[in-house]
């Protein structure tokens, strides 16, 4: 039960972000397409759908270990390709660096949930 609060809080990020991306995938697809990511639009949509499904599974504690592991795996390319701060300058660099660092913290939480399976 004590881990369920953490699961819920982490799930919100993925469910809200996934739905937001599904409503308007173009900006994220453009972001990764400029890095040469193949099939950027499809990749963004599939990633968003998986984040929503795994986020809901995590929120309701359905196969939470697998859901948190899947979210961790999805978050790595999302962070590297979606927040490539090293390619940015000025304010955009700081924004992407902040998101990159935030995602590292979220990744740490997901890894802890994955390893703390009961």
N, C-alpha and C. Protein backbone atom coordinates (compact mmCIF):
# COMPACT_ATOMS: atom_id res chain seq x y z
N UNK A 1 0.82 -1.21 0.00
CA UNK A 1 0.00 0.00 0.00
C UNK A 1 0.85 1.26 0.00
N UNK A 2 1.97 1.23 0.75
CA UNK A 2 2.76 2.46 0.85
C UNK A 2 3.40 2.83 -0.49
N UNK A 3 3.68 1.86 -1.35
CA UNK A 3 4.22 2.18 -2.67
C UNK A 3 3.15 2.67 -3.63
N UNK A 4 1.90 2.39 -3.33
CA UNK A 4 0.85 2.76 -4.26
C UNK A 4 0.74 4.27 -4.45
N UNK A 5 1.02 5.05 -3.44
CA UNK A 5 1.01 6.51 -3.59
C UNK A 5 2.07 6.92 -4.59
N UNK A 6 3.25 6.35 -4.50
CA UNK A 6 4.31 6.65 -5.45
C UNK A 6 3.90 6.23 -6.86
N UNK A 7 3.28 5.06 -6.97
CA UNK A 7 2.81 4.59 -8.29
C UNK A 7 1.80 5.57 -8.88
N UNK A 8 0.86 6.01 -8.06
CA UNK A 8 -0.14 6.97 -8.53
C UNK A 8 0.49 8.27 -9.00
N UNK A 9 1.40 8.80 -8.19
CA UNK A 9 2.03 10.08 -8.54
C UNK A 9 2.85 9.97 -9.81
N UNK A 10 3.57 8.89 -9.98
CA UNK A 10 4.33 8.71 -11.22
C UNK A 10 3.41 8.46 -12.42
N UNK A 11 2.34 7.74 -12.20
CA UNK A 11 1.41 7.43 -13.29
C UNK A 11 0.81 8.69 -13.89
N UNK A 12 0.53 9.68 -13.06
CA UNK A 12 -0.09 10.93 -13.54
C UNK A 12 0.75 11.55 -14.64
N UNK A 13 2.06 11.56 -14.48
CA UNK A 13 2.97 12.15 -15.47
C UNK A 13 2.77 11.49 -16.83
N UNK A 14 2.70 10.18 -16.83
CA UNK A 14 2.64 9.43 -18.09
C UNK A 14 1.26 9.46 -18.72
N UNK A 15 0.22 9.36 -17.91
CA UNK A 15 -1.14 9.40 -18.46
C UNK A 15 -1.43 10.79 -19.04
N UNK A 16 -1.14 11.82 -18.27
CA UNK A 16 -1.39 13.19 -18.74
C UNK A 16 -0.52 13.53 -19.94
N UNK A 17 0.76 13.21 -19.86
CA UNK A 17 1.66 13.50 -20.97
C UNK A 17 1.32 12.70 -22.21
N UNK A 18 0.96 11.45 -22.03
CA UNK A 18 0.59 10.61 -23.17
C UNK A 18 -0.65 11.11 -23.87
N UNK A 19 -1.69 11.46 -23.10
CA UNK A 19 -2.90 12.00 -23.71
C UNK A 19 -2.62 13.33 -24.41
N UNK A 20 -1.81 14.16 -23.82
CA UNK A 20 -1.46 15.44 -24.43
C UNK A 20 -0.75 15.22 -25.76
N UNK A 21 0.16 14.27 -25.80
CA UNK A 21 0.87 13.97 -27.04
C UNK A 21 -0.06 13.37 -28.08
N UNK A 22 -0.97 12.52 -27.66
CA UNK A 22 -1.92 11.93 -28.62
C UNK A 22 -2.83 13.00 -29.23
N UNK A 23 -3.18 14.01 -28.44
CA UNK A 23 -4.01 15.10 -28.97
C UNK A 23 -3.26 15.94 -30.00
N UNK A 24 -1.95 16.13 -29.78
CA UNK A 24 -1.16 16.96 -30.69
C UNK A 24 0.26 16.40 -30.79
N UNK A 25 0.46 15.37 -31.62
CA UNK A 25 1.78 14.73 -31.70
C UNK A 25 2.80 15.49 -32.55
N UNK A 26 2.34 16.45 -33.34
CA UNK A 26 3.24 17.09 -34.31
C UNK A 26 4.48 17.76 -33.70
N UNK A 27 4.35 18.54 -32.62
CA UNK A 27 5.57 19.16 -32.08
C UNK A 27 6.62 18.15 -31.62
N UNK A 28 6.17 17.09 -30.97
CA UNK A 28 7.14 16.08 -30.51
C UNK A 28 7.72 15.31 -31.69
N UNK A 29 6.89 15.02 -32.67
CA UNK A 29 7.39 14.32 -33.87
C UNK A 29 8.42 15.18 -34.60
N UNK A 30 8.16 16.47 -34.70
CA UNK A 30 9.11 17.38 -35.35
C UNK A 30 10.41 17.44 -34.57
N UNK A 31 10.31 17.44 -33.26
CA UNK A 31 11.50 17.50 -32.40
C UNK A 31 12.42 16.32 -32.65
N UNK A 32 11.87 15.12 -32.72
CA UNK A 32 12.74 13.96 -32.91
C UNK A 32 13.08 13.73 -34.38
N UNK A 33 12.24 14.20 -35.29
CA UNK A 33 12.54 14.05 -36.72
C UNK A 33 13.79 14.84 -37.08
N UNK A 34 14.00 15.97 -36.45
CA UNK A 34 15.19 16.78 -36.77
C UNK A 34 16.48 16.07 -36.36
N UNK A 35 16.35 15.06 -35.49
CA UNK A 35 17.50 14.27 -35.09
C UNK A 35 17.69 13.03 -35.97
N UNK A 36 16.84 12.92 -37.00
CA UNK A 36 16.94 11.79 -37.91
C UNK A 36 16.25 10.53 -37.42
N UNK A 37 15.37 10.67 -36.43
CA UNK A 37 14.66 9.51 -35.90
C UNK A 37 13.70 9.00 -36.97
N UNK A 38 13.77 7.70 -37.32
CA UNK A 38 12.90 7.18 -38.38
C UNK A 38 11.43 7.10 -37.93
N UNK A 39 10.52 7.35 -38.86
CA UNK A 39 9.08 7.25 -38.61
C UNK A 39 8.69 8.01 -37.34
N UNK A 40 9.12 9.24 -37.26
CA UNK A 40 8.95 10.04 -36.05
C UNK A 40 7.49 10.14 -35.61
N UNK A 41 6.58 10.40 -36.53
CA UNK A 41 5.17 10.56 -36.15
C UNK A 41 4.62 9.27 -35.56
N UNK A 42 4.89 8.15 -36.20
CA UNK A 42 4.43 6.86 -35.70
C UNK A 42 5.08 6.54 -34.35
N UNK A 43 6.37 6.78 -34.24
CA UNK A 43 7.08 6.50 -32.99
C UNK A 43 6.50 7.30 -31.83
N UNK A 44 6.19 8.57 -32.08
CA UNK A 44 5.64 9.44 -31.03
C UNK A 44 4.26 8.94 -30.61
N UNK A 45 3.44 8.56 -31.57
CA UNK A 45 2.09 8.08 -31.25
C UNK A 45 2.12 6.75 -30.48
N UNK A 46 2.95 5.82 -30.92
CA UNK A 46 3.05 4.53 -30.24
C UNK A 46 3.60 4.73 -28.82
N UNK A 47 4.63 5.56 -28.70
CA UNK A 47 5.20 5.86 -27.39
C UNK A 47 4.13 6.44 -26.46
N UNK A 48 3.35 7.38 -26.96
CA UNK A 48 2.31 8.02 -26.14
C UNK A 48 1.24 7.01 -25.72
N UNK A 49 0.82 6.15 -26.66
CA UNK A 49 -0.20 5.15 -26.32
C UNK A 49 0.32 4.18 -25.26
N UNK A 50 1.55 3.74 -25.41
CA UNK A 50 2.12 2.83 -24.43
C UNK A 50 2.26 3.50 -23.07
N UNK A 51 2.62 4.77 -23.06
CA UNK A 51 2.73 5.49 -21.79
C UNK A 51 1.38 5.61 -21.10
N UNK A 52 0.32 5.87 -21.87
CA UNK A 52 -1.01 5.95 -21.28
C UNK A 52 -1.42 4.61 -20.70
N UNK A 53 -1.27 3.54 -21.48
CA UNK A 53 -1.69 2.21 -21.02
C UNK A 53 -0.87 1.77 -19.80
N UNK A 54 0.45 1.90 -19.89
CA UNK A 54 1.29 1.49 -18.76
C UNK A 54 1.07 2.41 -17.55
N UNK A 55 0.81 3.69 -17.80
CA UNK A 55 0.53 4.61 -16.71
C UNK A 55 -0.75 4.25 -15.98
N UNK A 56 -1.78 3.89 -16.72
CA UNK A 56 -3.04 3.46 -16.10
C UNK A 56 -2.82 2.16 -15.32
N UNK A 57 -2.08 1.23 -15.92
CA UNK A 57 -1.79 -0.03 -15.21
C UNK A 57 -1.05 0.25 -13.91
N UNK A 58 -0.10 1.16 -13.95
CA UNK A 58 0.63 1.52 -12.73
C UNK A 58 -0.30 2.16 -11.70
N UNK A 59 -1.17 3.04 -12.17
CA UNK A 59 -2.08 3.75 -11.26
C UNK A 59 -3.04 2.81 -10.54
N UNK A 60 -3.49 1.78 -11.24
CA UNK A 60 -4.45 0.85 -10.62
C UNK A 60 -3.75 -0.39 -10.05
N UNK A 61 -2.42 -0.34 -10.05
CA UNK A 61 -1.60 -1.41 -9.48
C UNK A 61 -1.84 -2.76 -10.18
N UNK A 62 -2.01 -2.71 -11.51
CA UNK A 62 -2.15 -3.92 -12.31
C UNK A 62 -0.79 -4.21 -12.96
N UNK A 63 -0.17 -5.28 -12.52
CA UNK A 63 1.17 -5.63 -13.02
C UNK A 63 2.10 -4.42 -12.93
N UNK A 64 2.10 -3.82 -11.76
CA UNK A 64 2.83 -2.57 -11.54
C UNK A 64 4.33 -2.70 -11.81
N UNK A 65 4.90 -3.84 -11.51
CA UNK A 65 6.33 -4.02 -11.75
C UNK A 65 6.63 -3.95 -13.25
N UNK A 66 5.85 -4.66 -14.02
CA UNK A 66 6.02 -4.62 -15.48
C UNK A 66 5.72 -3.26 -16.06
N UNK A 67 4.68 -2.62 -15.53
CA UNK A 67 4.31 -1.29 -16.01
C UNK A 67 5.42 -0.28 -15.73
N UNK A 68 5.98 -0.32 -14.54
CA UNK A 68 7.06 0.62 -14.21
C UNK A 68 8.31 0.33 -15.03
N UNK A 69 8.60 -0.93 -15.28
CA UNK A 69 9.75 -1.28 -16.11
C UNK A 69 9.54 -0.80 -17.55
N UNK A 70 8.34 -1.00 -18.09
CA UNK A 70 8.04 -0.52 -19.44
C UNK A 70 8.15 1.00 -19.52
N UNK A 71 7.59 1.69 -18.54
CA UNK A 71 7.67 3.15 -18.54
C UNK A 71 9.13 3.61 -18.47
N UNK A 72 9.95 2.93 -17.69
CA UNK A 72 11.37 3.28 -17.62
C UNK A 72 12.03 3.11 -18.99
N UNK A 73 11.72 2.01 -19.67
CA UNK A 73 12.30 1.78 -20.99
C UNK A 73 11.82 2.82 -22.00
N UNK A 74 10.57 3.23 -21.91
CA UNK A 74 10.04 4.25 -22.82
C UNK A 74 10.61 5.63 -22.52
N UNK A 75 10.88 5.88 -21.26
CA UNK A 75 11.36 7.20 -20.85
C UNK A 75 12.78 7.47 -21.33
N UNK A 76 13.59 6.45 -21.49
CA UNK A 76 14.98 6.66 -21.90
C UNK A 76 15.06 7.30 -23.29
N UNK A 77 14.48 6.70 -24.35
CA UNK A 77 14.56 7.37 -25.65
C UNK A 77 13.77 8.69 -25.68
N UNK A 78 12.69 8.76 -24.92
CA UNK A 78 11.93 10.01 -24.85
C UNK A 78 12.82 11.12 -24.32
N UNK A 79 13.61 10.83 -23.33
CA UNK A 79 14.49 11.83 -22.72
C UNK A 79 15.64 12.19 -23.66
N UNK A 80 16.29 11.18 -24.22
CA UNK A 80 17.45 11.43 -25.06
C UNK A 80 17.07 12.15 -26.36
N UNK A 81 16.02 11.69 -27.02
CA UNK A 81 15.64 12.29 -28.30
C UNK A 81 14.74 13.52 -28.13
N UNK A 82 13.92 13.50 -27.11
CA UNK A 82 12.98 14.60 -26.93
C UNK A 82 13.53 15.81 -26.21
N UNK A 83 14.62 15.62 -25.48
CA UNK A 83 15.20 16.74 -24.72
C UNK A 83 16.71 16.81 -24.93
N UNK A 84 17.09 16.85 -26.20
CA UNK A 84 18.51 16.91 -26.57
C UNK A 84 19.04 18.32 -26.33
N UNK A 85 19.23 18.66 -25.06
CA UNK A 85 19.63 20.01 -24.67
C UNK A 85 20.97 20.41 -25.28
N UNK A 86 21.82 19.43 -25.56
CA UNK A 86 23.15 19.71 -26.09
C UNK A 86 23.10 20.28 -27.51
N UNK A 87 21.94 20.18 -28.16
CA UNK A 87 21.78 20.75 -29.49
C UNK A 87 21.16 22.14 -29.47
N UNK A 88 20.75 22.58 -28.31
CA UNK A 88 20.01 23.84 -28.17
C UNK A 88 20.93 24.96 -27.70
N UNK A 89 20.42 26.17 -27.81
CA UNK A 89 21.14 27.35 -27.34
C UNK A 89 20.20 28.22 -26.53
N UNK A 90 20.77 29.02 -25.66
CA UNK A 90 20.00 30.00 -24.92
C UNK A 90 18.92 29.41 -24.04
N UNK A 91 17.74 30.05 -24.10
CA UNK A 91 16.62 29.63 -23.25
C UNK A 91 16.16 28.20 -23.55
N UNK A 92 16.11 27.83 -24.83
CA UNK A 92 15.70 26.46 -25.20
C UNK A 92 16.62 25.41 -24.59
N UNK A 93 17.90 25.72 -24.52
CA UNK A 93 18.86 24.79 -23.91
C UNK A 93 18.49 24.57 -22.44
N UNK A 94 18.20 25.65 -21.72
CA UNK A 94 17.87 25.54 -20.30
C UNK A 94 16.55 24.78 -20.10
N UNK A 95 15.57 25.03 -20.95
CA UNK A 95 14.28 24.33 -20.85
C UNK A 95 14.48 22.83 -21.05
N UNK A 96 15.21 22.47 -22.10
CA UNK A 96 15.42 21.04 -22.37
C UNK A 96 16.31 20.39 -21.32
N UNK A 97 17.29 21.11 -20.81
CA UNK A 97 18.13 20.58 -19.74
C UNK A 97 17.28 20.32 -18.49
N UNK A 98 16.38 21.23 -18.18
CA UNK A 98 15.50 21.04 -17.02
C UNK A 98 14.62 19.81 -17.19
N UNK A 99 14.05 19.63 -18.38
CA UNK A 99 13.22 18.45 -18.63
C UNK A 99 14.05 17.17 -18.61
N UNK A 100 15.26 17.24 -19.14
CA UNK A 100 16.16 16.08 -19.14
C UNK A 100 16.44 15.65 -17.70
N UNK A 101 16.80 16.61 -16.85
CA UNK A 101 17.11 16.31 -15.45
C UNK A 101 15.87 15.81 -14.71
N UNK A 102 14.73 16.44 -14.97
CA UNK A 102 13.47 15.99 -14.35
C UNK A 102 13.19 14.54 -14.73
N UNK A 103 13.38 14.21 -16.00
CA UNK A 103 13.13 12.85 -16.46
C UNK A 103 14.08 11.85 -15.81
N UNK A 104 15.31 12.28 -15.52
CA UNK A 104 16.22 11.38 -14.80
C UNK A 104 15.67 11.06 -13.41
N UNK A 105 15.08 12.06 -12.75
CA UNK A 105 14.47 11.83 -11.44
C UNK A 105 13.27 10.90 -11.54
N UNK A 106 12.44 11.09 -12.56
CA UNK A 106 11.29 10.21 -12.78
C UNK A 106 11.78 8.79 -13.07
N UNK A 107 12.83 8.68 -13.88
CA UNK A 107 13.41 7.37 -14.18
C UNK A 107 13.88 6.68 -12.90
N UNK A 108 14.50 7.44 -12.01
CA UNK A 108 14.94 6.87 -10.74
C UNK A 108 13.75 6.33 -9.95
N UNK A 109 12.65 7.07 -9.92
CA UNK A 109 11.45 6.61 -9.23
C UNK A 109 10.90 5.33 -9.85
N UNK A 110 10.89 5.27 -11.17
CA UNK A 110 10.40 4.06 -11.85
C UNK A 110 11.30 2.86 -11.56
N UNK A 111 12.60 3.09 -11.56
CA UNK A 111 13.52 1.99 -11.25
C UNK A 111 13.34 1.50 -9.82
N UNK A 112 13.15 2.43 -8.89
CA UNK A 112 12.90 2.02 -7.50
C UNK A 112 11.63 1.20 -7.39
N UNK A 113 10.57 1.63 -8.10
CA UNK A 113 9.33 0.85 -8.06
C UNK A 113 9.53 -0.54 -8.66
N UNK A 114 10.26 -0.59 -9.75
CA UNK A 114 10.51 -1.87 -10.41
C UNK A 114 11.27 -2.82 -9.48
N UNK A 115 12.26 -2.29 -8.78
CA UNK A 115 13.08 -3.11 -7.90
C UNK A 115 12.42 -3.43 -6.57
N UNK A 116 11.43 -2.61 -6.18
CA UNK A 116 10.78 -2.80 -4.87
C UNK A 116 9.52 -3.66 -4.97
N UNK A 117 9.43 -4.46 -6.01
CA UNK A 117 8.25 -5.30 -6.21
C UNK A 117 8.00 -6.18 -5.00
N UNK A 118 6.72 -6.24 -4.62
CA UNK A 118 6.41 -7.08 -3.46
C UNK A 118 5.72 -8.35 -3.84
